Amino acid sequence: MQRYEQLLQLIQSCRRDFERFYQKQNRRAGIRLRKRMQELRRLAKEIRDEIQQLRRTFPPKPKRRWYQRSTGATDSGAGMEIG
């Protein structure tokens, strides 16, 4: 959850510059906002890479065959013959 907190903090830190740029048309706020958006992009890429690495360490799921049907009560009738 540390990554989530980092992401949230970075987004919240942009609020004032969003308001200044879009409501007051402050050019410097736009520059700061673009810089923070670049930081957000970098952080998102780091998180995506980290997720991909962690997924590779998970044990593989058993593959499900097409002929194995679920035994759930919400069966839609798929695979039933019409006669």
C-alpha atoms as a PDB file:
ATOM      1  CA  MET A   1       0.000   0.000   0.000  1.00  0.00           C
ATOM      2  CA  GLN A   2       3.034   2.256   0.159  1.00  0.00           C
ATOM      3  CA  ARG A   3       2.937   2.724  -3.627  1.00  0.00           C
ATOM      4  CA  TYR A   4      -0.739   3.660  -3.451  1.00  0.00           C
ATOM      5  CA  GLU A   5       0.035   6.299  -0.838  1.00  0.00           C
ATOM      6  CA  GLN A   6       2.840   7.703  -3.008  1.00  0.00           C
ATOM      7  CA  LEU A   7       0.520   7.898  -5.979  1.00  0.00           C
ATOM      8  CA  LEU A   8      -2.234   9.539  -3.962  1.00  0.00           C
ATOM      9  CA  GLN A   9       0.142  12.066  -2.415  1.00  0.00           C
ATOM     10  CA  LEU A  10       1.526  13.066  -5.809  1.00  0.00           C
ATOM     11  CA  ILE A  11      -1.952  13.580  -7.242  1.00  0.00           C
ATOM     12  CA  GLN A  12      -3.064  15.596  -4.228  1.00  0.00           C
ATOM     13  CA  SER A  13       0.025  17.793  -4.493  1.00  0.00           C
ATOM     14  CA  CYS A  14      -1.153  18.913  -7.948  1.00  0.00           C
ATOM     15  CA  ARG A  15      -4.483  20.335  -6.819  1.00  0.00           C
ATOM     16  CA  ARG A  16      -3.357  23.916  -6.162  1.00  0.00           C
ATOM     17  CA  ASP A  17      -1.537  24.149  -9.482  1.00  0.00           C
ATOM     18  CA  PHE A  18      -4.559  22.699 -11.307  1.00  0.00           C
ATOM     19  CA  GLU A  19      -6.736  25.422  -9.825  1.00  0.00           C
ATOM     20  CA  ARG A  20      -4.226  28.185 -10.516  1.00  0.00           C
ATOM     21  CA  PHE A  21      -3.649  27.101 -14.086  1.00  0.00           C
ATOM     22  CA  TYR A  22      -7.203  26.341 -15.186  1.00  0.00           C
ATOM     23  CA  GLN A  23      -9.089  28.981 -13.199  1.00  0.00           C
ATOM     24  CA  LYS A  24      -6.594  31.842 -12.985  1.00  0.00           C
ATOM     25  CA  GLN A  25      -4.595  31.020 -16.145  1.00  0.00           C
ATOM     26  CA  ASN A  26      -1.303  31.165 -14.246  1.00  0.00           C
ATOM     27  CA  ARG A  27       1.451  30.084 -16.661  1.00  0.00           C
ATOM     28  CA  ARG A  28       3.967  29.098 -13.988  1.00  0.00           C
ATOM     29  CA  ALA A  29       1.398  26.822 -12.380  1.00  0.00           C
ATOM     30  CA  GLY A  30       1.081  25.165 -15.792  1.00  0.00           C
ATOM     31  CA  ILE A  31       4.833  24.557 -15.870  1.00  0.00           C
ATOM     32  CA  ARG A  32       4.783  23.039 -12.381  1.00  0.00           C
ATOM     33  CA  LEU A  33       1.765  20.967 -13.315  1.00  0.00           C
ATOM     34  CA  ARG A  34       3.487  19.559 -16.396  1.00  0.00           C
ATOM     35  CA  LYS A  35       6.509  18.681 -14.255  1.00  0.00           C
ATOM     36  CA  ARG A  36       4.330  16.850 -11.734  1.00  0.00           C
ATOM     37  CA  MET A  37       2.490  15.036 -14.508  1.00  0.00           C
ATOM     38  CA  GLN A  38       5.871  13.797 -15.736  1.00  0.00           C
ATOM     39  CA  GLU A  39       6.662  12.588 -12.215  1.00  0.00           C
ATOM     40  CA  LEU A  40       3.286  10.859 -12.133  1.00  0.00           C
ATOM     41  CA  ARG A  41       4.111   9.172 -15.421  1.00  0.00           C
ATOM     42  CA  ARG A  42       7.439   7.928 -14.073  1.00  0.00           C
ATOM     43  CA  LEU A  43       5.850   6.656 -10.860  1.00  0.00           C
ATOM     44  CA  ALA A  44       3.102   4.888 -12.816  1.00  0.00           C
ATOM     45  CA  LYS A  45       5.735   3.170 -14.975  1.00  0.00           C
ATOM     46  CA  GLU A  46       7.654   2.057 -11.884  1.00  0.00           C
ATOM     47  CA  ILE A  47       4.487   0.645 -10.371  1.00  0.00           C
ATOM     48  CA  ARG A  48       3.579  -1.136 -13.614  1.00  0.00           C
ATOM     49  CA  ASP A  49       7.060  -2.695 -13.814  1.00  0.00           C
ATOM     50  CA  GLU A  50       6.886  -3.734 -10.163  1.00  0.00           C
ATOM     51  CA  ILE A  51       3.484  -5.358 -10.699  1.00  0.00           C
ATOM     52  CA  GLN A  52       4.810  -7.258 -13.702  1.00  0.00           C
ATOM     53  CA  GLN A  53       7.789  -8.548 -11.694  1.00  0.00           C
ATOM     54  CA  LEU A  54       5.572  -9.649  -8.813  1.00  0.00           C
ATOM     55  CA  ARG A  55       3.138 -11.405 -11.150  1.00  0.00           C
ATOM     56  CA  ARG A  56       5.999 -13.509 -12.477  1.00  0.00           C
ATOM     57  CA  THR A  57       6.689 -14.797  -8.969  1.00  0.00           C
ATOM     58  CA  PHE A  58       3.108 -15.997  -8.428  1.00  0.00           C
ATOM     59  CA  PRO A  59       2.502 -19.728  -8.886  1.00  0.00           C
ATOM     60  CA  PRO A  60       0.801 -20.494 -12.202  1.00  0.00           C
ATOM     61  CA  LYS A  61      -2.909 -21.193 -12.247  1.00  0.00           C
ATOM     62  CA  PRO A  62      -3.986 -24.557 -13.596  1.00  0.00           C
ATOM     63  CA  LYS A  63      -5.204 -24.209 -17.154  1.00  0.00           C
ATOM     64  CA  ARG A  64      -8.890 -24.701 -17.670  1.00  0.00           C
ATOM     65  CA  ARG A  65      -9.934 -26.858 -20.586  1.00  0.00           C
ATOM     66  CA  TRP A  66     -12.698 -25.769 -22.902  1.00  0.00           C
ATOM     67  CA  TYR A  67     -14.673 -28.899 -22.115  1.00  0.00           C
ATOM     68  CA  GLN A  68     -14.625 -28.301 -18.347  1.00  0.00           C
ATOM     69  CA  ARG A  69     -17.835 -26.602 -17.358  1.00  0.00           C
ATOM     70  CA  SER A  70     -18.393 -24.585 -14.247  1.00  0.00           C
ATOM     71  CA  THR A  71     -20.677 -26.128 -11.669  1.00  0.00           C
ATOM     72  CA  GLY A  72     -22.064 -22.788 -10.540  1.00  0.00           C
ATOM     73  CA  ALA A  73     -25.768 -22.123 -10.154  1.00  0.00           C
ATOM     74  CA  THR A  74     -25.587 -19.297 -12.685  1.00  0.00           C
ATOM     75  CA  ASP A  75     -25.073 -21.613 -15.623  1.00  0.00           C
ATOM     76  CA  SER A  76     -26.353 -19.935 -18.767  1.00  0.00           C
ATOM     77  CA  GLY A  77     -26.897 -23.200 -20.603  1.00  0.00           C
ATOM     78  CA  ALA A  78     -23.785 -22.859 -22.713  1.00  0.00           C
ATOM     79  CA  GLY A  79     -22.714 -26.129 -24.243  1.00  0.00           C
ATOM     80  CA  MET A  80     -26.150 -27.733 -24.081  1.00  0.00           C
ATOM     81  CA  GLU A  81     -27.442 -29.469 -27.146  1.00  0.00           C
ATOM     82  CA  ILE A  82     -30.599 -28.319 -28.808  1.00  0.00           C
ATOM     83  CA  GLY A  83     -32.712 -31.229 -29.804  1.00  0.00           C
END
